Amino acid sequence: MNKSYTDAFKGTAWYYARYRANYPDIFFEMVKDKFELDRNDRVLDLGCGTGQIAIPISRFVKEVVAMDPEPEMLAEGKIFAKKYKIKNIKWVEGGSEDLADMSTELGKFKLIVIGTAFHWMDREKTLDILYDMTEDGGGIVVVDRGNLFKEPVIDKVIKKWLGQERRAGSGFYKQPLRRYEEVISESRFKKIEFWEHELSIVNDIDWIVGNIYSSSMANPNVLGDRREKFEKDLRETLLKQNPSGKFTSNDKVTAIIAWR
């Protein structure tokens, strides 16, 4: 259906599946315990990408509905689900703007998870619809893994080749004006909790380039015929920063948990 989605992540799915940082096991164990998930439950992964949440959480529940407006993401997710012999994920094309029309078809869920995608949505409207799609005693988890490798020189290279305003496919990205916790606290969801987990990862330049290509702001479609020169500049800049080609990122997984 894709009422509002255009092309922000067109051409990113292959990179997204291979170069996005995964959510740690401790996150899934926490969610399982908080909502007492079992094989009778259904989970909705809204803005699922290539299945970074849907695939790991599927081992706990009866069914996962993995929903994303970009068909290339769903296709890549299906490849990995088949690779791991996972058969209880239903892949659905659609975004948050399609929920009102699809809510009856989708049904109700014990848990709804939004992973590093809430900033793309009309948050107030989405939460209101999701509340009615949530079973009594169930809830929602909005989790952020962090999108891109955090190295200031990368931002400079991207702006050099693509301009100062952050791209989002053929359009531009608009930063949300309100914090997630403020929006969720004003919704019908109650008993809000916060969870975080710090971790450190080491990645090489190939991974960093792939991670950038998984983004809406500097993917191959956005770069077009500038891609080769951009990548050469990025690699040379990173090697000047650290000749070993290895970079350590201190990262944090944060989650906002709320119940119906």
C-alpha atoms as a PDB file:
ATOM      1  CA  MET A   1       0.000   0.000   0.000  1.00  0.00           C
ATOM      2  CA  ASN A   2       2.712   2.456   1.028  1.00  0.00           C
ATOM      3  CA  LYS A   3       0.644   5.621   1.380  1.00  0.00           C
ATOM      4  CA  SER A   4       3.528   7.960   2.199  1.00  0.00           C
ATOM      5  CA  TYR A   5       6.745   6.073   1.445  1.00  0.00           C
ATOM      6  CA  THR A   6       8.722   7.010  -1.654  1.00  0.00           C
ATOM      7  CA  ASP A   7      12.311   5.806  -2.050  1.00  0.00           C
ATOM      8  CA  ALA A   8      14.299   6.628   1.102  1.00  0.00           C
ATOM      9  CA  PHE A   9      15.755   3.117   1.334  1.00  0.00           C
ATOM     10  CA  LYS A  10      15.624   2.063  -2.292  1.00  0.00           C
ATOM     11  CA  GLY A  11      18.837   0.238  -3.175  1.00  0.00           C
ATOM     12  CA  THR A  12      19.960  -0.248   0.444  1.00  0.00           C
ATOM     13  CA  ALA A  13      18.550  -3.674   1.344  1.00  0.00           C
ATOM     14  CA  TRP A  14      21.574  -5.791   0.383  1.00  0.00           C
ATOM     15  CA  TYR A  15      23.825  -3.577   2.509  1.00  0.00           C
ATOM     16  CA  TYR A  16      21.222  -3.267   5.270  1.00  0.00           C
ATOM     17  CA  ALA A  17      21.096  -7.029   5.744  1.00  0.00           C
ATOM     18  CA  ARG A  18      24.876  -7.362   5.969  1.00  0.00           C
ATOM     19  CA  TYR A  19      26.219  -4.137   7.447  1.00  0.00           C
ATOM     20  CA  ARG A  20      23.669  -2.937   9.986  1.00  0.00           C
ATOM     21  CA  ALA A  21      24.709  -3.661  13.560  1.00  0.00           C
ATOM     22  CA  ASN A  22      22.547  -6.395  15.091  1.00  0.00           C
ATOM     23  CA  TYR A  23      20.630  -6.081  18.324  1.00  0.00           C
ATOM     24  CA  PRO A  24      22.353  -8.033  21.126  1.00  0.00           C
ATOM     25  CA  ASP A  25      20.882 -11.225  22.594  1.00  0.00           C
ATOM     26  CA  ILE A  26      20.401  -9.500  25.942  1.00  0.00           C
ATOM     27  CA  PHE A  27      17.815  -7.199  24.331  1.00  0.00           C
ATOM     28  CA  PHE A  28      15.679 -10.103  23.108  1.00  0.00           C
ATOM     29  CA  GLU A  29      15.915 -11.881  26.455  1.00  0.00           C
ATOM     30  CA  MET A  30      14.808  -8.693  28.205  1.00  0.00           C
ATOM     31  CA  VAL A  31      11.794  -8.300  25.901  1.00  0.00           C
ATOM     32  CA  LYS A  32      10.846 -11.953  26.290  1.00  0.00           C
ATOM     33  CA  ASP A  33      10.912 -11.655  30.076  1.00  0.00           C
ATOM     34  CA  LYS A  34       9.106  -8.294  30.268  1.00  0.00           C
ATOM     35  CA  PHE A  35       6.159  -9.515  28.206  1.00  0.00           C
ATOM     36  CA  GLU A  36       6.352 -13.208  29.131  1.00  0.00           C
ATOM     37  CA  LEU A  37       6.386 -14.166  25.466  1.00  0.00           C
ATOM     38  CA  ASP A  38       5.585 -17.759  24.555  1.00  0.00           C
ATOM     39  CA  ARG A  39       4.520 -19.876  21.606  1.00  0.00           C
ATOM     40  CA  ASN A  40       0.940 -18.599  21.800  1.00  0.00           C
ATOM     41  CA  ASP A  41       1.906 -14.984  21.114  1.00  0.00           C
ATOM     42  CA  ARG A  42       2.122 -12.813  18.020  1.00  0.00           C
ATOM     43  CA  VAL A  43       4.603  -9.964  17.499  1.00  0.00           C
ATOM     44  CA  LEU A  44       4.485  -7.073  15.024  1.00  0.00           C
ATOM     45  CA  ASP A  45       7.854  -5.708  13.880  1.00  0.00           C
ATOM     46  CA  LEU A  46       6.911  -2.353  12.355  1.00  0.00           C
ATOM     47  CA  GLY A  47       9.575  -0.937  10.040  1.00  0.00           C
ATOM     48  CA  CYS A  48      11.280  -4.310  10.071  1.00  0.00           C
ATOM     49  CA  GLY A  49      14.017  -3.621   7.509  1.00  0.00           C
ATOM     50  CA  THR A  50      15.634  -6.931   6.609  1.00  0.00           C
ATOM     51  CA  GLY A  51      14.575  -8.662   9.821  1.00  0.00           C
ATOM     52  CA  GLN A  52      17.112  -7.591  12.441  1.00  0.00           C
ATOM     53  CA  ILE A  53      14.394  -7.937  15.087  1.00  0.00           C
ATOM     54  CA  ALA A  54      11.867 -10.212  13.381  1.00  0.00           C
ATOM     55  CA  ILE A  55      14.273 -13.091  12.800  1.00  0.00           C
ATOM     56  CA  PRO A  56      15.789 -13.337  16.329  1.00  0.00           C
ATOM     57  CA  ILE A  57      12.492 -12.796  18.150  1.00  0.00           C
ATOM     58  CA  SER A  58      10.675 -15.404  16.043  1.00  0.00           C
ATOM     59  CA  ARG A  59      12.156 -18.216  18.133  1.00  0.00           C
ATOM     60  CA  PHE A  60      10.079 -17.124  21.141  1.00  0.00           C
ATOM     61  CA  VAL A  61       6.604 -16.766  19.627  1.00  0.00           C
ATOM     62  CA  LYS A  62       3.941 -18.305  17.427  1.00  0.00           C
ATOM     63  CA  GLU A  63       4.123 -15.698  14.658  1.00  0.00           C
ATOM     64  CA  VAL A  64       5.948 -12.509  13.739  1.00  0.00           C
ATOM     65  CA  VAL A  65       4.460 -10.067  11.263  1.00  0.00           C
ATOM     66  CA  ALA A  66       7.393  -8.191   9.717  1.00  0.00           C
ATOM     67  CA  MET A  67       6.136  -5.015   8.049  1.00  0.00           C
ATOM     68  CA  ASP A  68       8.095  -2.541   5.936  1.00  0.00           C
ATOM     69  CA  PRO A  69       7.183  -0.163   3.091  1.00  0.00           C
ATOM     70  CA  GLU A  70      10.285  -1.010   1.030  1.00  0.00           C
ATOM     71  CA  PRO A  71       9.752  -4.261  -0.918  1.00  0.00           C
ATOM     72  CA  GLU A  72      13.510  -4.750  -1.387  1.00  0.00           C
ATOM     73  CA  MET A  73      13.885  -4.967   2.406  1.00  0.00           C
ATOM     74  CA  LEU A  74      11.235  -7.669   2.632  1.00  0.00           C
ATOM     75  CA  ALA A  75      12.803  -9.661  -0.199  1.00  0.00           C
ATOM     76  CA  GLU A  76      16.180  -9.624   1.532  1.00  0.00           C
ATOM     77  CA  GLY A  77      14.594 -10.537   4.860  1.00  0.00           C
ATOM     78  CA  LYS A  78      12.913 -13.561   3.280  1.00  0.00           C
ATOM     79  CA  ILE A  79      16.291 -14.753   1.992  1.00  0.00           C
ATOM     80  CA  PHE A  80      17.784 -14.721   5.488  1.00  0.00           C
ATOM     81  CA  ALA A  81      14.695 -16.273   7.088  1.00  0.00           C
ATOM     82  CA  LYS A  82      14.927 -19.139   4.593  1.00  0.00           C
ATOM     83  CA  LYS A  83      18.653 -19.468   5.266  1.00  0.00           C
ATOM     84  CA  TYR A  84      17.968 -19.936   8.977  1.00  0.00           C
ATOM     85  CA  LYS A  85      14.942 -22.194   8.274  1.00  0.00           C
ATOM     86  CA  ILE A  86      12.504 -19.806   9.978  1.00  0.00           C
ATOM     87  CA  LYS A  87       8.923 -20.343   8.889  1.00  0.00           C
ATOM     88  CA  ASN A  88       6.833 -18.314  11.354  1.00  0.00           C
ATOM     89  CA  ILE A  89       7.452 -14.842   9.912  1.00  0.00           C
ATOM     90  CA  LYS A  90       4.836 -13.215   7.691  1.00  0.00           C
ATOM     91  CA  TRP A  91       6.385 -10.473   5.533  1.00  0.00           C
ATOM     92  CA  VAL A  92       3.979  -7.605   4.795  1.00  0.00           C
ATOM     93  CA  GLU A  93       4.559  -4.595   2.556  1.00  0.00           C
ATOM     94  CA  GLY A  94       3.333  -1.441   4.268  1.00  0.00           C
ATOM     95  CA  GLY A  95       4.293   1.337   6.634  1.00  0.00           C
ATOM     96  CA  SER A  96       2.849   3.161   9.614  1.00  0.00           C
ATOM     97  CA  GLU A  97       0.568   5.201   7.350  1.00  0.00           C
ATOM     98  CA  ASP A  98      -1.053   1.967   6.162  1.00  0.00           C
ATOM     99  CA  LEU A  99      -1.906   0.669   9.643  1.00  0.00           C
ATOM    100  CA  ALA A 100      -5.394   2.170   9.824  1.00  0.00           C
ATOM    101  CA  ASP A 101      -6.437   0.399   6.617  1.00  0.00           C
ATOM    102  CA  MET A 102      -4.670  -2.862   7.487  1.00  0.00           C
ATOM    103  CA  SER A 103      -5.304  -3.167  11.234  1.00  0.00           C
ATOM    104  CA  THR A 104      -8.255  -5.555  10.940  1.00  0.00           C
ATOM    105  CA  GLU A 105      -6.351  -7.781   8.517  1.00  0.00           C
ATOM    106  CA  LEU A 106      -3.214  -7.742  10.665  1.00  0.00           C
ATOM    107  CA  GLY A 107      -5.051  -8.561  13.901  1.00  0.00           C
ATOM    108  CA  LYS A 108      -3.890  -8.065  17.482  1.00  0.00           C
ATOM    109  CA  PHE A 109      -0.460  -8.590  18.987  1.00  0.00           C
ATOM    110  CA  LYS A 110       1.051  -9.307  22.382  1.00  0.00           C
ATOM    111  CA  LEU A 111       4.012  -7.122  21.463  1.00  0.00           C
ATOM    112  CA  ILE A 112       4.767  -4.457  18.883  1.00  0.00           C
ATOM    113  CA  VAL A 113       8.411  -3.547  18.303  1.00  0.00           C
ATOM    114  CA  ILE A 114       9.733  -0.569  16.367  1.00  0.00           C
ATOM    115  CA  GLY A 115      13.480  -0.749  15.807  1.00  0.00           C
ATOM    116  CA  THR A 116      15.364   2.352  14.646  1.00  0.00           C
ATOM    117  CA  ALA A 117      12.338   3.428  12.589  1.00  0.00           C
ATOM    118  CA  PHE A 118      10.124   5.529  14.887  1.00  0.00           C
ATOM    119  CA  HIS A 119      11.657   8.770  13.580  1.00  0.00           C
ATOM    120  CA  TRP A 120      10.164   8.104  10.126  1.00  0.00           C
ATOM    121  CA  MET A 121       6.598   7.918  11.462  1.00  0.00           C
ATOM    122  CA  ASP A 122       3.790  10.210  12.507  1.00  0.00           C
ATOM    123  CA  ARG A 123       4.469   9.135  16.056  1.00  0.00           C
ATOM    124  CA  GLU A 124       1.299  10.314  17.807  1.00  0.00           C
ATOM    125  CA  LYS A 125      -1.015   8.877  15.158  1.00  0.00           C
ATOM    126  CA  THR A 126       0.926   5.615  14.968  1.00  0.00           C
ATOM    127  CA  LEU A 127       0.842   5.055  18.729  1.00  0.00           C
ATOM    128  CA  ASP A 128      -2.902   5.645  18.836  1.00  0.00           C
ATOM    129  CA  ILE A 129      -3.538   2.998  16.170  1.00  0.00           C
ATOM    130  CA  LEU A 130      -1.043   0.549  17.688  1.00  0.00           C
ATOM    131  CA  TYR A 131      -2.714   0.792  21.083  1.00  0.00           C
ATOM    132  CA  ASP A 132      -5.892  -0.672  19.612  1.00  0.00           C
ATOM    133  CA  MET A 133      -3.846  -3.406  17.913  1.00  0.00           C
ATOM    134  CA  THR A 134      -2.264  -4.468  21.214  1.00  0.00           C
ATOM    135  CA  GLU A 135      -3.699  -7.187  23.436  1.00  0.00           C
ATOM    136  CA  ASP A 136      -4.540  -6.418  27.056  1.00  0.00           C
ATOM    137  CA  GLY A 137      -1.359  -6.898  29.056  1.00  0.00           C
ATOM    138  CA  GLY A 138       0.763  -6.512  25.960  1.00  0.00           C
ATOM    139  CA  GLY A 139       2.737  -3.492  24.914  1.00  0.00           C
ATOM    140  CA  ILE A 140       5.204  -1.729  22.720  1.00  0.00           C
ATOM    141  CA  VAL A 141       8.984  -1.451  22.589  1.00  0.00           C
ATOM    142  CA  VAL A 142      10.691   1.368  20.710  1.00  0.00           C
ATOM    143  CA  VAL A 143      14.372   0.477  20.431  1.00  0.00           C
ATOM    144  CA  ASP A 144      17.306   2.324  18.888  1.00  0.00           C
ATOM    145  CA  ARG A 145      20.493   0.476  17.993  1.00  0.00           C
ATOM    146  CA  GLY A 146      22.142   3.485  16.403  1.00  0.00           C
ATOM    147  CA  ASN A 147      22.177   3.772  12.639  1.00  0.00           C
ATOM    148  CA  LEU A 148      25.654   4.502  11.429  1.00  0.00           C
ATOM    149  CA  PHE A 149      29.228   4.167  12.523  1.00  0.00           C
ATOM    150  CA  LYS A 150      29.915   7.325  14.536  1.00  0.00           C
ATOM    151  CA  GLU A 151      33.061   8.953  13.197  1.00  0.00           C
ATOM    152  CA  PRO A 152      33.000  12.774  12.670  1.00  0.00           C
ATOM    153  CA  VAL A 153      35.127  12.615   9.521  1.00  0.00           C
ATOM    154  CA  ILE A 154      32.431  10.507   7.844  1.00  0.00           C
ATOM    155  CA  ASP A 155      29.896  13.282   8.244  1.00  0.00           C
ATOM    156  CA  LYS A 156      32.318  15.725   6.623  1.00  0.00           C
ATOM    157  CA  VAL A 157      32.846  13.464   3.617  1.00  0.00           C
ATOM    158  CA  ILE A 158      29.096  12.929   3.153  1.00  0.00           C
ATOM    159  CA  LYS A 159      28.395  16.660   3.275  1.00  0.00           C
ATOM    160  CA  LYS A 160      31.247  17.335   0.861  1.00  0.00           C
ATOM    161  CA  TRP A 161      29.642  15.122  -1.775  1.00  0.00           C
ATOM    162  CA  LEU A 162      25.938  15.510  -1.000  1.00  0.00           C
ATOM    163  CA  GLY A 163      25.546  18.926   0.607  1.00  0.00           C
ATOM    164  CA  GLN A 164      24.797  20.177   4.093  1.00  0.00           C
ATOM    165  CA  GLU A 165      21.163  19.052   4.255  1.00  0.00           C
ATOM    166  CA  ARG A 166      20.714  15.415   5.145  1.00  0.00           C
ATOM    167  CA  ARG A 167      19.285  13.390   2.285  1.00  0.00           C
ATOM    168  CA  ALA A 168      16.577  10.728   2.498  1.00  0.00           C
ATOM    169  CA  GLY A 169      16.524   9.083  -0.896  1.00  0.00           C
ATOM    170  CA  SER A 170      15.334  11.640  -3.427  1.00  0.00           C
ATOM    171  CA  GLY A 171      14.068  13.853  -0.594  1.00  0.00           C
ATOM    172  CA  PHE A 172      15.448  15.254   2.653  1.00  0.00           C
ATOM    173  CA  TYR A 173      15.263  14.126   6.253  1.00  0.00           C
ATOM    174  CA  LYS A 174      13.330  16.098   8.875  1.00  0.00           C
ATOM    175  CA  GLN A 175      14.512  15.673  12.448  1.00  0.00           C
ATOM    176  CA  PRO A 176      11.659  14.957  14.928  1.00  0.00           C
ATOM    177  CA  LEU A 177      10.945  17.941  17.149  1.00  0.00           C
ATOM    178  CA  ARG A 178       9.919  15.949  20.226  1.00  0.00           C
ATOM    179  CA  ARG A 179      11.724  13.233  22.147  1.00  0.00           C
ATOM    180  CA  TYR A 180      10.346   9.706  21.894  1.00  0.00           C
ATOM    181  CA  GLU A 181       9.713   9.392  25.619  1.00  0.00           C
ATOM    182  CA  GLU A 182       7.647  12.582  25.625  1.00  0.00           C
ATOM    183  CA  VAL A 183       5.437  11.362  22.797  1.00  0.00           C
ATOM    184  CA  ILE A 184       4.996   7.884  24.292  1.00  0.00           C
ATOM    185  CA  SER A 185       4.253   9.257  27.783  1.00  0.00           C
ATOM    186  CA  GLU A 186       1.375  11.296  26.286  1.00  0.00           C
ATOM    187  CA  SER A 187      -0.073   8.278  24.463  1.00  0.00           C
ATOM    188  CA  ARG A 188      -2.581   5.762  25.811  1.00  0.00           C
ATOM    189  CA  PHE A 189       0.243   3.327  26.600  1.00  0.00           C
ATOM    190  CA  LYS A 190       1.087   3.281  30.316  1.00  0.00           C
ATOM    191  CA  LYS A 191       3.703   2.096  32.813  1.00  0.00           C
ATOM    192  CA  ILE A 192       6.689   3.300  30.820  1.00  0.00           C
ATOM    193  CA  GLU A 193      10.136   1.840  31.510  1.00  0.00           C
ATOM    194  CA  PHE A 194      13.554   2.598  30.068  1.00  0.00           C
ATOM    195  CA  TRP A 195      16.310   0.107  29.274  1.00  0.00           C
ATOM    196  CA  GLU A 196      19.816   0.492  27.904  1.00  0.00           C
ATOM    197  CA  HIS A 197      22.849  -1.631  27.211  1.00  0.00           C
ATOM    198  CA  GLU A 198      26.318  -0.341  26.390  1.00  0.00           C
ATOM    199  CA  LEU A 199      28.670  -2.171  24.084  1.00  0.00           C
ATOM    200  CA  SER A 200      31.853  -1.620  22.121  1.00  0.00           C
ATOM    201  CA  ILE A 201      32.409  -2.869  18.586  1.00  0.00           C
ATOM    202  CA  VAL A 202      35.416  -2.888  16.271  1.00  0.00           C
ATOM    203  CA  ASN A 203      34.864  -2.624  12.524  1.00  0.00           C
ATOM    204  CA  ASP A 204      37.001  -2.304   9.441  1.00  0.00           C
ATOM    205  CA  ILE A 205      36.636   0.135   6.553  1.00  0.00           C
ATOM    206  CA  ASP A 206      34.734  -2.321   4.337  1.00  0.00           C
ATOM    207  CA  TRP A 207      32.079  -2.637   7.055  1.00  0.00           C
ATOM    208  CA  ILE A 208      31.900   1.140   7.512  1.00  0.00           C
ATOM    209  CA  VAL A 209      31.385   1.705   3.774  1.00  0.00           C
ATOM    210  CA  GLY A 210      28.658  -0.953   3.688  1.00  0.00           C
ATOM    211  CA  ASN A 211      27.038   0.605   6.745  1.00  0.00           C
ATOM    212  CA  ILE A 212      26.939   4.005   5.020  1.00  0.00           C
ATOM    213  CA  TYR A 213      25.427   2.411   1.904  1.00  0.00           C
ATOM    214  CA  SER A 214      22.642   0.955   4.084  1.00  0.00           C
ATOM    215  CA  SER A 215      21.493   4.468   4.979  1.00  0.00           C
ATOM    216  CA  SER A 216      18.834   6.688   3.448  1.00  0.00           C
ATOM    217  CA  MET A 217      21.251   9.623   3.265  1.00  0.00           C
ATOM    218  CA  ALA A 218      24.244   8.224   1.351  1.00  0.00           C
ATOM    219  CA  ASN A 219      23.220   5.024  -0.375  1.00  0.00           C
ATOM    220  CA  PRO A 220      24.218   4.084  -3.932  1.00  0.00           C
ATOM    221  CA  ASN A 221      20.971   5.479  -5.374  1.00  0.00           C
ATOM    222  CA  VAL A 222      21.524   8.856  -3.721  1.00  0.00           C
ATOM    223  CA  LEU A 223      25.192   9.026  -4.727  1.00  0.00           C
ATOM    224  CA  GLY A 224      24.547   8.017  -8.329  1.00  0.00           C
ATOM    225  CA  ASP A 225      27.593   8.636 -10.543  1.00  0.00           C
ATOM    226  CA  ARG A 226      29.428  10.184  -7.560  1.00  0.00           C
ATOM    227  CA  ARG A 227      29.609   6.862  -5.763  1.00  0.00           C
ATOM    228  CA  GLU A 228      33.071   5.768  -6.921  1.00  0.00           C
ATOM    229  CA  LYS A 229      34.729   9.093  -6.074  1.00  0.00           C
ATOM    230  CA  PHE A 230      32.821   9.325  -2.785  1.00  0.00           C
ATOM    231  CA  GLU A 231      33.959   5.866  -1.712  1.00  0.00           C
ATOM    232  CA  LYS A 232      37.574   6.553  -2.683  1.00  0.00           C
ATOM    233  CA  ASP A 233      37.500   9.783  -0.669  1.00  0.00           C
ATOM    234  CA  LEU A 234      35.872   8.064   2.314  1.00  0.00           C
ATOM    235  CA  ARG A 235      38.359   5.191   2.379  1.00  0.00           C
ATOM    236  CA  GLU A 236      41.369   7.512   2.065  1.00  0.00           C
ATOM    237  CA  THR A 237      40.003   9.805   4.783  1.00  0.00           C
ATOM    238  CA  LEU A 238      39.448   6.922   7.189  1.00  0.00           C
ATOM    239  CA  LEU A 239      42.932   5.509   6.556  1.00  0.00           C
ATOM    240  CA  LYS A 240      44.445   8.911   7.314  1.00  0.00           C
ATOM    241  CA  GLN A 241      42.464   8.926  10.537  1.00  0.00           C
ATOM    242  CA  ASN A 242      43.676   5.436  11.456  1.00  0.00           C
ATOM    243  CA  PRO A 243      46.193   3.658   9.195  1.00  0.00           C
ATOM    244  CA  SER A 244      45.267   0.287  10.730  1.00  0.00           C
ATOM    245  CA  GLY A 245      41.834   0.522   9.125  1.00  0.00           C
ATOM    246  CA  LYS A 246      40.227  -0.603  12.387  1.00  0.00           C
ATOM    247  CA  PHE A 247      37.801   1.619  14.265  1.00  0.00           C
ATOM    248  CA  THR A 248      36.217   1.158  17.679  1.00  0.00           C
ATOM    249  CA  SER A 249      32.728   2.480  18.322  1.00  0.00           C
ATOM    250  CA  ASN A 250      31.298   2.807  21.823  1.00  0.00           C
ATOM    251  CA  ASP A 251      27.618   2.294  21.245  1.00  0.00           C
ATOM    252  CA  LYS A 252      24.420   1.997  23.254  1.00  0.00           C
ATOM    253  CA  VAL A 253      21.154   0.150  22.673  1.00  0.00           C
ATOM    254  CA  THR A 254      18.255   2.075  24.212  1.00  0.00           C
ATOM    255  CA  ALA A 255      14.642   0.995  24.522  1.00  0.00           C
ATOM    256  CA  ILE A 256      11.420   2.574  25.717  1.00  0.00           C
ATOM    257  CA  ILE A 257       8.939  -0.036  26.964  1.00  0.00           C
ATOM    258  CA  ALA A 258       5.247   0.646  27.576  1.00  0.00           C
ATOM    259  CA  TRP A 259       2.203  -1.468  28.326  1.00  0.00           C
ATOM    260  CA  ARG A 260      -1.438  -1.337  27.333  1.00  0.00           C
END
